[in-house]
Amino acid sequence: MSPFLQQAKALLAELVALPTVSAEGKALREGAAKVAEILEGLGLSAALHEGYGPPVVYAEGGVGERTLLFYNHYDVQPPDPLDLWETDPFTLVEREGAWYGRGTHDDKGEFLARVVALRLFKEKHGFLPRVKFVVEGEEEVGSPHLEAYVADKKDLLRAEAVVWESGGVDAKGRPYLYAGLKGIVALELRVRTAAFDLHSSYGAVVENPIYRLSKAISSLRDEEGRVLIPGFYDRVRPLTPLELEALSAIPNEAEELKATFGVRDFLGGARDLEFHQRLFAEPCLNVNGFHSGYGGPGTKTVLPAEAMAKLDFRLVPDQDPEEIPGLLRGHLEAQGIHDVEVVVLERGERPARSDLAHPFVRLVKEALEETFGEKAVLYPNMPGSGPMHPFLHHLKAPAVGLGVGYPGNRVHSPNEHLRIRDFERGTLALLRLLERFFGV
């Protein structure tokens, strides 16, 4: 293993050992301090900015007329269910060419790839280029304070371009980059039909909340996944010719993804351009979980008193996450479903998409292609969400993602891991981007 990989593994082990689960408020200050320590070890000046939830780590330094800003996060998802992990989620373990542990890819491994790329740049060229870092601790819970942070600190954060938190290779091993993210709003539907759980015999005369909630959920989309809420698609921005061209150029990897995910088929049998448009350029609704009644072994003849479902809407430009709950409530009322309560779980994130014609997009694509020796895949935006919109809006700079992952990383799942070969090639691509961006 090369020296820079050994160094990365040692630092990653330190970061993974900190259980920085933002949903539970764990070890966030310790995580921020460790990130600041790593950035100072690189030669940057780092500070913990308070007043925006967990500390936001800000760092800057280097020389040059141009500035590149890196966005990452140090918080991680909860490790549950623990019984499905093959090893301790907060102990870095290397096996079969990969590093295992919570956060190895999302996002501690990605953060370290940027640090290592800058160290390689400094060793090769004798100086550190002008860079800035914003590393937050709330990404996994929707970054509720980051928009205010970027708005307040926009002059401090000014840069010509932003390198977003992650990326990697697709199911066939081709490098990819993306220029945007979907927005999101997370909601909960609740219904109660009795003061307490009843004997199931009362099902003859007392309404079951599961039926009510099932009716509400089934009214929200059709069999192919299209959302049926009136007005939901009204703000969707038409794709530009360049965006359509990029979607058409994405290689078809539907069969590989089916095998990786273990699914029989995709909604509506989507393939080729339709598959890519639906995944990357159209909004969608997903039910995250449904909870009610008894689910243990054997039988319990009970009529539950309440039922609850969690769901999220993924949004595309120019949909407004603050508008969606009202549209949903109006739809349920129109369906005669007056007893289901709509609760917003967290502040939504706006969708974001950089201009694909910006020179920085081309620069990232060329750096990937030079490193990997093959054509890179450009996604107008990814199907996931993140707090990219404040950076595009307040800094007026493009944001592009590239990184060190692959579709099987098991992000947010047990046995999250990072393949060492992906980390190595992704880091070298970041190094090449730095060289191209700073003209060396």
Protein backbone atom coordinates (compact mmCIF):
# COMPACT_ATOMS: atom_id res chain seq x y z
CA MET A 1 0.00 0.00 0.00
CA SER A 2 1.38 3.40 -1.01
CA PRO A 3 2.33 5.93 1.69
CA PHE A 4 -0.60 8.23 0.91
CA LEU A 5 -3.04 5.33 1.23
CA GLN A 6 -1.51 4.30 4.56
CA GLN A 7 -1.82 7.88 5.78
CA ALA A 8 -5.43 8.07 4.60
CA LYS A 9 -6.31 4.80 6.34
CA ALA A 10 -4.86 6.01 9.65
CA LEU A 11 -6.79 9.29 9.52
CA LEU A 12 -9.96 7.53 8.42
CA ALA A 13 -9.72 5.17 11.38
CA GLU A 14 -9.60 8.18 13.72
CA LEU A 15 -12.64 9.77 12.09
CA VAL A 16 -14.70 6.56 11.92
CA ALA A 17 -14.03 5.95 15.64
CA LEU A 18 -16.03 9.10 16.43
CA PRO A 19 -19.76 8.19 16.31
CA THR A 20 -20.85 11.55 14.88
CA VAL A 21 -24.53 10.65 14.46
CA SER A 22 -26.31 13.96 13.97
CA ALA A 23 -29.77 12.41 14.40
CA GLU A 24 -28.75 11.56 17.96
CA GLY A 25 -26.46 14.54 18.61
CA LYS A 26 -23.49 12.27 19.31
CA ALA A 27 -19.81 13.26 19.26
CA LEU A 28 -20.40 16.21 16.96
CA ARG A 29 -18.11 18.65 18.72
CA GLU A 30 -15.39 15.99 18.90
CA GLY A 31 -15.86 15.31 15.19
CA ALA A 32 -15.59 18.99 14.34
CA ALA A 33 -12.41 19.32 16.40
CA LYS A 34 -10.83 16.33 14.65
CA VAL A 35 -11.68 17.72 11.21
CA ALA A 36 -10.16 21.08 12.16
CA GLU A 37 -7.04 19.31 13.43
CA ILE A 38 -6.66 17.44 10.12
CA LEU A 39 -7.07 20.62 8.09
CA GLU A 40 -4.55 22.48 10.23
CA GLY A 41 -2.15 19.59 9.70
CA LEU A 42 -2.51 20.27 5.99
CA GLY A 43 -1.31 23.82 6.53
CA LEU A 44 -4.65 25.61 6.56
CA SER A 45 -6.02 27.95 9.19
CA ALA A 46 -9.13 26.31 10.70
CA ALA A 47 -11.87 27.60 12.99
CA LEU A 48 -15.09 26.26 14.51
CA HIS A 49 -17.95 28.59 13.66
CA GLU A 50 -20.63 28.49 16.35
CA GLY A 51 -24.28 29.45 16.32
CA TYR A 52 -25.39 27.29 13.42
CA GLY A 53 -26.21 23.99 15.10
CA PRO A 54 -23.16 21.75 15.61
CA PRO A 55 -19.90 23.60 14.89
CA VAL A 56 -19.22 24.34 11.24
CA VAL A 57 -15.55 23.81 10.45
CA TYR A 58 -14.19 26.57 8.24
CA ALA A 59 -10.64 26.51 6.92
CA GLU A 60 -8.67 28.49 4.38
CA GLY A 61 -5.12 28.97 3.18
CA GLY A 62 -2.72 28.57 0.32
CA VAL A 63 -1.63 30.98 -2.39
CA GLY A 64 -2.91 32.03 -5.79
CA GLU A 65 -5.36 34.38 -7.47
CA ARG A 66 -8.12 31.78 -7.80
CA THR A 67 -9.97 30.07 -4.93
CA LEU A 68 -11.57 26.64 -4.84
CA LEU A 69 -14.09 25.82 -2.08
CA PHE A 70 -14.69 22.28 -0.81
CA TYR A 71 -17.95 21.29 0.86
CA ASN A 72 -18.12 18.17 3.06
CA HIS A 73 -19.78 16.99 6.27
CA TYR A 74 -18.52 15.09 9.31
CA ASP A 75 -21.84 13.72 10.56
CA VAL A 76 -23.06 10.22 9.69
CA GLN A 77 -26.23 8.17 9.65
CA PRO A 78 -27.17 5.97 12.65
CA PRO A 79 -25.62 2.49 12.38
CA ASP A 80 -28.88 0.63 12.96
CA PRO A 81 -29.70 -2.20 12.55
CA LEU A 82 -26.56 -3.22 14.42
CA ASP A 83 -27.13 -6.97 14.03
CA LEU A 84 -26.60 -6.69 10.27
CA TRP A 85 -23.07 -5.30 10.61
CA GLU A 86 -20.33 -7.88 10.17
CA THR A 87 -17.93 -5.73 12.23
CA ASP A 88 -18.24 -2.84 14.69
CA PRO A 89 -19.54 0.15 12.66
CA PHE A 90 -17.25 2.58 14.49
CA THR A 91 -14.06 0.57 14.11
CA LEU A 92 -12.31 0.76 10.74
CA VAL A 93 -11.72 -2.72 9.34
CA GLU A 94 -9.91 -3.55 6.11
CA ARG A 95 -10.96 -6.67 4.22
CA GLU A 96 -11.16 -7.77 0.60
CA GLY A 97 -9.72 -4.52 -0.72
CA ALA A 98 -12.08 -2.20 1.15
CA TRP A 99 -12.35 -0.17 4.35
CA TYR A 100 -15.49 -0.90 6.38
CA GLY A 101 -17.20 1.33 8.93
CA ARG A 102 -19.86 4.01 9.24
CA GLY A 103 -18.77 7.08 7.31
CA THR A 104 -15.98 5.36 5.38
CA HIS A 105 -17.57 6.71 2.22
CA ASP A 106 -20.29 9.12 3.36
CA ASP A 107 -18.61 11.45 4.01
CA LYS A 108 -15.42 10.99 5.99
CA GLY A 109 -13.65 9.07 3.24
CA GLU A 110 -14.64 11.70 0.69
CA PHE A 111 -13.37 14.48 2.95
CA LEU A 112 -10.02 12.73 3.37
CA ALA A 113 -9.68 12.24 -0.38
CA ARG A 114 -9.64 16.02 -0.73
CA VAL A 115 -7.11 16.38 2.07
CA VAL A 116 -4.82 13.74 0.57
CA ALA A 117 -5.13 15.26 -2.92
CA LEU A 118 -4.00 18.62 -1.54
CA ARG A 119 -1.06 16.99 0.25
CA LEU A 120 -0.03 15.28 -2.98
CA PHE A 121 -0.32 18.63 -4.79
CA LYS A 122 1.90 20.32 -2.21
CA GLU A 123 4.51 17.54 -2.39
CA LYS A 124 4.54 17.63 -6.19
CA HIS A 125 4.47 21.39 -6.80
CA GLY A 126 5.99 22.82 -3.63
CA PHE A 127 3.08 24.99 -2.53
CA LEU A 128 -0.50 24.76 -1.34
CA PRO A 129 -3.06 26.34 -3.70
CA ARG A 130 -5.68 28.80 -2.49
CA VAL A 131 -8.52 26.68 -1.06
CA LYS A 132 -11.33 26.93 1.47
CA PHE A 133 -13.29 24.23 3.32
CA VAL A 134 -16.80 24.19 4.77
CA VAL A 135 -17.40 20.98 6.74
CA GLU A 136 -20.73 20.84 8.56
CA GLY A 137 -22.28 18.45 11.08
CA GLU A 138 -25.95 18.35 10.08
CA GLU A 139 -26.07 17.08 6.50
CA GLU A 140 -27.65 13.77 7.48
CA VAL A 141 -30.57 15.59 9.13
CA GLY A 142 -31.20 18.03 6.30
CA SER A 143 -28.66 20.79 7.06
CA PRO A 144 -31.27 22.99 8.81
CA HIS A 145 -28.77 25.75 9.69
CA LEU A 146 -26.50 25.75 6.65
CA GLU A 147 -28.52 28.13 4.48
CA ALA A 148 -28.30 30.80 7.18
CA TYR A 149 -24.60 30.07 7.60
CA VAL A 150 -23.83 30.50 3.90
CA ALA A 151 -25.96 33.63 3.70
CA ASP A 152 -24.19 35.19 6.70
CA LYS A 153 -20.70 34.14 5.60
CA LYS A 154 -21.04 34.60 1.85
CA ASP A 155 -18.22 37.16 1.63
CA LEU A 156 -15.90 34.88 3.61
CA LEU A 157 -16.78 31.87 1.45
CA ARG A 158 -16.32 33.55 -1.93
CA ALA A 159 -14.71 31.24 -4.49
CA GLU A 160 -14.66 30.71 -8.24
CA ALA A 161 -16.08 27.19 -7.91
CA VAL A 162 -17.23 24.59 -5.37
CA VAL A 163 -16.23 20.93 -5.23
CA TRP A 164 -19.20 19.06 -3.78
CA GLU A 165 -19.01 16.34 -1.16
CA SER A 166 -18.92 13.06 -3.09
CA GLY A 167 -18.99 11.15 -6.35
CA GLY A 168 -17.19 8.18 -7.85
CA VAL A 169 -17.77 5.57 -10.53
CA ASP A 170 -21.00 4.09 -11.88
CA ALA A 171 -22.09 0.44 -11.96
CA LYS A 172 -19.73 -0.28 -14.87
CA GLY A 173 -16.77 1.49 -13.29
CA ARG A 174 -16.97 4.66 -15.39
CA PRO A 175 -16.11 7.93 -13.59
CA TYR A 176 -18.96 10.39 -13.22
CA LEU A 177 -19.53 13.98 -12.22
CA TYR A 178 -22.73 15.84 -11.38
CA ALA A 179 -23.74 19.48 -11.39
CA GLY A 180 -26.74 19.52 -9.08
CA LEU A 181 -28.90 17.81 -6.48
CA LYS A 182 -32.60 17.30 -5.99
CA GLY A 183 -34.42 19.11 -3.24
CA ILE A 184 -36.30 17.33 -0.48
CA VAL A 185 -39.10 17.73 2.02
CA ALA A 186 -39.76 15.04 4.66
CA LEU A 187 -43.23 14.60 6.11
CA GLU A 188 -45.21 12.37 8.40
CA LEU A 189 -48.82 11.28 8.00
CA ARG A 190 -50.68 10.47 11.23
CA VAL A 191 -54.16 9.21 11.94
CA ARG A 192 -55.88 8.17 15.21
CA THR A 193 -59.26 6.46 15.35
CA ALA A 194 -59.53 5.53 19.05
CA ALA A 195 -58.17 6.62 22.41
CA PHE A 196 -56.30 3.31 22.85
CA ASP A 197 -55.80 -0.05 21.13
CA LEU A 198 -58.98 -2.14 21.11
CA HIS A 199 -59.83 -5.83 20.89
CA SER A 200 -59.96 -6.77 17.22
CA SER A 201 -63.60 -7.78 17.51
CA TYR A 202 -64.45 -4.07 17.56
CA GLY A 203 -63.26 -3.94 13.97
CA ALA A 204 -66.89 -4.59 13.09
CA VAL A 205 -67.86 -1.11 14.24
CA VAL A 206 -64.69 0.94 14.83
CA GLU A 207 -62.56 2.29 11.99
CA ASN A 208 -59.03 0.92 11.68
CA PRO A 209 -56.39 3.66 11.22
CA ILE A 210 -54.39 1.41 8.92
CA TYR A 211 -57.20 1.50 6.38
CA ARG A 212 -57.41 5.27 6.57
CA LEU A 213 -53.67 5.76 6.19
CA SER A 214 -53.44 3.18 3.41
CA LYS A 215 -56.16 5.03 1.51
CA ALA A 216 -54.28 8.30 1.90
CA ILE A 217 -50.96 6.85 0.74
CA SER A 218 -52.44 4.97 -2.21
CA SER A 219 -53.99 8.23 -3.48
CA LEU A 220 -50.61 9.96 -3.79
CA ARG A 221 -49.14 8.23 -6.88
CA ASP A 222 -50.04 5.88 -9.69
CA GLU A 223 -48.65 2.44 -10.45
CA GLU A 224 -45.71 3.89 -12.40
CA GLY A 225 -44.73 6.33 -9.68
CA ARG A 226 -46.20 9.56 -11.05
CA VAL A 227 -47.37 11.83 -8.24
CA LEU A 228 -51.12 12.53 -8.39
CA ILE A 229 -51.21 15.65 -6.21
CA PRO A 230 -52.68 18.57 -8.22
CA GLY A 231 -50.12 21.32 -8.81
CA PHE A 232 -47.16 19.15 -7.86
CA TYR A 233 -45.47 19.46 -11.26
CA ASP A 234 -46.44 23.08 -11.99
CA ARG A 235 -43.06 24.58 -11.02
CA VAL A 236 -40.86 21.96 -12.68
CA ARG A 237 -38.37 23.79 -14.89
CA PRO A 238 -38.17 22.45 -18.47
CA LEU A 239 -34.85 20.84 -19.30
CA THR A 240 -32.48 22.82 -21.52
CA PRO A 241 -31.16 21.31 -24.76
CA LEU A 242 -27.75 20.83 -23.08
CA GLU A 243 -29.34 19.04 -20.11
CA LEU A 244 -31.32 16.76 -22.43
CA GLU A 245 -28.14 16.06 -24.37
CA ALA A 246 -26.34 15.10 -21.16
CA LEU A 247 -29.17 12.78 -20.12
CA SER A 248 -29.19 11.15 -23.56
CA ALA A 249 -25.43 10.57 -23.35
CA ILE A 250 -25.60 8.68 -20.04
CA PRO A 251 -24.78 5.00 -20.70
CA ASN A 252 -27.57 2.60 -19.86
CA GLU A 253 -26.72 0.81 -16.63
CA ALA A 254 -30.23 -0.29 -15.68
CA GLU A 255 -29.40 -4.00 -15.81
CA GLU A 256 -26.29 -3.57 -13.66
CA LEU A 257 -28.24 -1.52 -11.12
CA LYS A 258 -30.99 -4.13 -11.02
CA ALA A 259 -28.41 -6.76 -10.13
CA THR A 260 -26.66 -4.51 -7.59
CA PHE A 261 -29.91 -3.53 -5.89
CA GLY A 262 -31.56 -6.94 -6.15
CA VAL A 263 -34.78 -5.66 -7.76
CA ARG A 264 -36.89 -7.37 -10.41
CA ASP A 265 -37.56 -4.30 -12.52
CA PHE A 266 -37.90 -0.53 -12.39
CA LEU A 267 -41.17 1.39 -12.17
CA GLY A 268 -42.95 1.39 -15.50
CA GLY A 269 -40.16 -0.74 -16.95
CA ALA A 270 -38.13 2.45 -17.46
CA ARG A 271 -35.06 2.10 -19.69
CA ASP A 272 -32.49 4.30 -21.44
CA LEU A 273 -33.45 7.99 -21.67
CA GLU A 274 -36.75 7.49 -19.80
CA PHE A 275 -34.87 5.82 -16.94
CA HIS A 276 -32.36 8.68 -16.74
CA GLN A 277 -34.98 11.40 -16.97
CA ARG A 278 -37.04 9.87 -14.17
CA LEU A 279 -34.06 9.22 -11.92
CA PHE A 280 -32.16 12.46 -12.41
CA ALA A 281 -34.57 15.07 -13.75
CA GLU A 282 -38.06 14.34 -12.39
CA PRO A 283 -39.46 14.69 -8.86
CA CYS A 284 -40.76 11.68 -6.96
CA LEU A 285 -42.47 10.53 -3.79
CA ASN A 286 -41.23 7.76 -1.51
CA VAL A 287 -42.74 6.18 1.60
CA ASN A 288 -39.91 5.60 4.08
CA GLY A 289 -41.85 3.59 6.64
CA PHE A 290 -45.30 2.58 7.90
CA HIS A 291 -45.92 1.90 11.57
CA SER A 292 -49.03 0.64 13.31
CA GLY A 293 -50.38 -2.18 15.42
CA TYR A 294 -48.64 -5.43 16.27
CA GLY A 295 -45.71 -6.80 14.26
CA GLY A 296 -44.20 -9.38 16.60
CA PRO A 297 -44.25 -13.16 16.37
CA GLY A 298 -47.49 -15.07 16.42
CA THR A 299 -50.89 -13.40 16.71
CA LYS A 300 -52.19 -10.49 18.70
CA THR A 301 -55.82 -9.74 17.91
CA VAL A 302 -55.76 -6.00 18.24
CA LEU A 303 -57.36 -3.04 16.52
CA PRO A 304 -54.65 -0.35 16.66
CA ALA A 305 -55.61 3.12 17.77
CA GLU A 306 -53.20 5.00 15.50
CA ALA A 307 -51.07 4.66 12.41
CA MET A 308 -48.17 6.70 11.09
CA ALA A 309 -46.16 6.83 7.88
CA LYS A 310 -43.00 8.73 7.01
CA LEU A 311 -42.46 9.93 3.45
CA ASP A 312 -40.27 12.25 1.44
CA PHE A 313 -40.60 14.15 -1.80
CA ARG A 314 -37.52 14.58 -3.99
CA LEU A 315 -37.79 17.83 -5.93
CA VAL A 316 -36.22 19.34 -9.05
CA PRO A 317 -35.71 22.98 -10.11
CA ASP A 318 -37.80 25.14 -9.52
CA GLN A 319 -40.04 23.31 -7.05
CA ASP A 320 -40.40 24.87 -3.60
CA PRO A 321 -40.22 22.49 -0.61
CA GLU A 322 -42.29 24.91 1.48
CA GLU A 323 -45.19 24.62 -0.97
CA ILE A 324 -45.44 20.81 -0.98
CA PRO A 325 -47.12 20.26 2.45
CA GLY A 326 -49.95 22.61 1.49
CA LEU A 327 -50.46 20.85 -1.83
CA LEU A 328 -50.55 17.51 -0.01
CA ARG A 329 -53.11 18.71 2.54
CA GLY A 330 -55.30 20.10 -0.24
CA HIS A 331 -55.14 16.83 -2.13
CA LEU A 332 -56.16 14.75 0.91
CA GLU A 333 -59.07 17.07 1.65
CA ALA A 334 -60.23 16.79 -1.96
CA GLN A 335 -60.13 13.01 -1.62
CA GLY A 336 -62.39 13.19 1.42
CA ILE A 337 -59.54 12.21 3.74
CA HIS A 338 -60.06 14.72 6.52
CA ASP A 339 -58.66 12.73 9.46
CA VAL A 340 -55.03 12.31 8.32
CA GLU A 341 -52.66 14.87 9.81
CA VAL A 342 -49.71 16.15 7.75
CA VAL A 343 -46.64 16.96 9.87
CA VAL A 344 -43.47 18.51 8.42
CA LEU A 345 -40.50 16.72 9.99
CA GLU A 346 -37.71 19.09 9.03
CA ARG A 347 -37.06 22.14 6.94
CA GLY A 348 -36.78 21.12 3.31
CA GLU A 349 -33.91 21.70 0.94
CA ARG A 350 -34.30 23.44 -2.39
CA PRO A 351 -33.16 21.71 -5.57
CA ALA A 352 -30.03 23.03 -7.27
CA ARG A 353 -28.42 22.64 -10.68
CA SER A 354 -25.32 24.39 -12.00
CA ASP A 355 -25.10 25.61 -15.57
CA LEU A 356 -23.72 22.70 -17.61
CA ALA A 357 -22.11 25.19 -19.99
CA HIS A 358 -19.86 26.61 -17.23
CA PRO A 359 -16.12 26.00 -17.90
CA PHE A 360 -15.67 24.41 -14.46
CA VAL A 361 -18.01 21.56 -15.43
CA ARG A 362 -15.86 20.85 -18.47
CA LEU A 363 -12.69 21.12 -16.37
CA VAL A 364 -13.90 18.47 -13.90
CA LYS A 365 -14.94 16.18 -16.75
CA GLU A 366 -11.54 16.49 -18.41
CA ALA A 367 -9.68 15.83 -15.14
CA LEU A 368 -11.66 12.61 -14.63
CA GLU A 369 -11.07 11.48 -18.19
CA GLU A 370 -7.33 12.15 -18.00
CA THR A 371 -7.07 10.15 -14.77
CA PHE A 372 -9.30 7.22 -15.69
CA GLY A 373 -8.41 7.04 -19.37
CA GLU A 374 -12.06 6.84 -20.47
CA LYS A 375 -15.04 9.08 -21.07
CA ALA A 376 -16.64 10.46 -17.92
CA VAL A 377 -20.42 10.41 -17.42
CA LEU A 378 -22.02 13.80 -16.76
CA TYR A 379 -25.23 13.87 -14.72
CA PRO A 380 -27.11 17.21 -14.74
CA ASN A 381 -27.92 16.40 -11.12
CA MET A 382 -27.98 13.39 -8.82
CA PRO A 383 -31.17 11.70 -7.60
CA GLY A 384 -30.23 12.42 -3.98
CA SER A 385 -30.45 15.67 -2.06
CA GLY A 386 -28.12 18.02 -0.24
CA PRO A 387 -27.63 21.68 0.70
CA MET A 388 -26.14 22.83 -2.62
CA HIS A 389 -28.70 25.54 -3.35
CA PRO A 390 -27.38 28.12 -0.83
CA PHE A 391 -23.91 27.92 -2.39
CA LEU A 392 -25.20 28.44 -5.92
CA HIS A 393 -27.59 31.19 -4.80
CA HIS A 394 -25.35 33.21 -2.46
CA LEU A 395 -21.88 32.60 -3.91
CA LYS A 396 -22.96 32.67 -7.58
CA ALA A 397 -20.44 29.90 -8.23
CA PRO A 398 -20.90 26.51 -9.89
CA ALA A 399 -20.80 23.37 -7.76
CA VAL A 400 -19.71 20.04 -9.19
CA GLY A 401 -19.40 16.69 -7.46
CA LEU A 402 -16.75 14.03 -8.02
CA GLY A 403 -15.32 11.54 -5.59
CA VAL A 404 -14.32 8.05 -4.51
CA GLY A 405 -17.51 5.96 -4.27
CA TYR A 406 -19.40 3.30 -6.25
CA PRO A 407 -23.06 2.15 -6.25
CA GLY A 408 -22.39 -0.72 -3.84
CA ASN A 409 -20.91 1.36 -0.99
CA ARG A 410 -23.99 0.59 1.13
CA VAL A 411 -24.29 4.22 2.12
CA HIS A 412 -26.80 4.63 4.99
CA SER A 413 -26.90 0.83 5.37
CA PRO A 414 -25.05 -1.74 7.49
CA ASN A 415 -21.57 -2.67 6.24
CA GLU A 416 -20.87 0.70 4.63
CA HIS A 417 -17.47 0.53 2.96
CA LEU A 418 -15.02 2.25 0.64
CA ARG A 419 -13.07 0.32 -1.97
CA ILE A 420 -9.39 1.20 -1.74
CA ARG A 421 -8.90 1.27 -5.51
CA ASP A 422 -11.75 3.78 -5.84
CA PHE A 423 -10.23 5.97 -3.15
CA GLU A 424 -6.86 5.91 -4.92
CA ARG A 425 -8.17 6.76 -8.39
CA GLY A 426 -10.65 9.31 -7.10
CA THR A 427 -7.93 11.07 -5.11
CA LEU A 428 -5.68 11.22 -8.16
CA ALA A 429 -8.56 12.68 -10.18
CA LEU A 430 -8.95 15.38 -7.52
CA LEU A 431 -5.21 16.06 -7.77
CA ARG A 432 -5.51 16.45 -11.55
CA LEU A 433 -8.45 18.82 -11.11
CA LEU A 434 -6.39 20.95 -8.73
CA GLU A 435 -3.59 21.09 -11.30
CA ARG A 436 -5.95 22.04 -14.11
CA PHE A 437 -7.83 24.60 -12.01
CA PHE A 438 -4.69 26.31 -10.69
CA GLY A 439 -2.80 26.05 -13.98
CA VAL A 440 0.22 23.94 -13.01
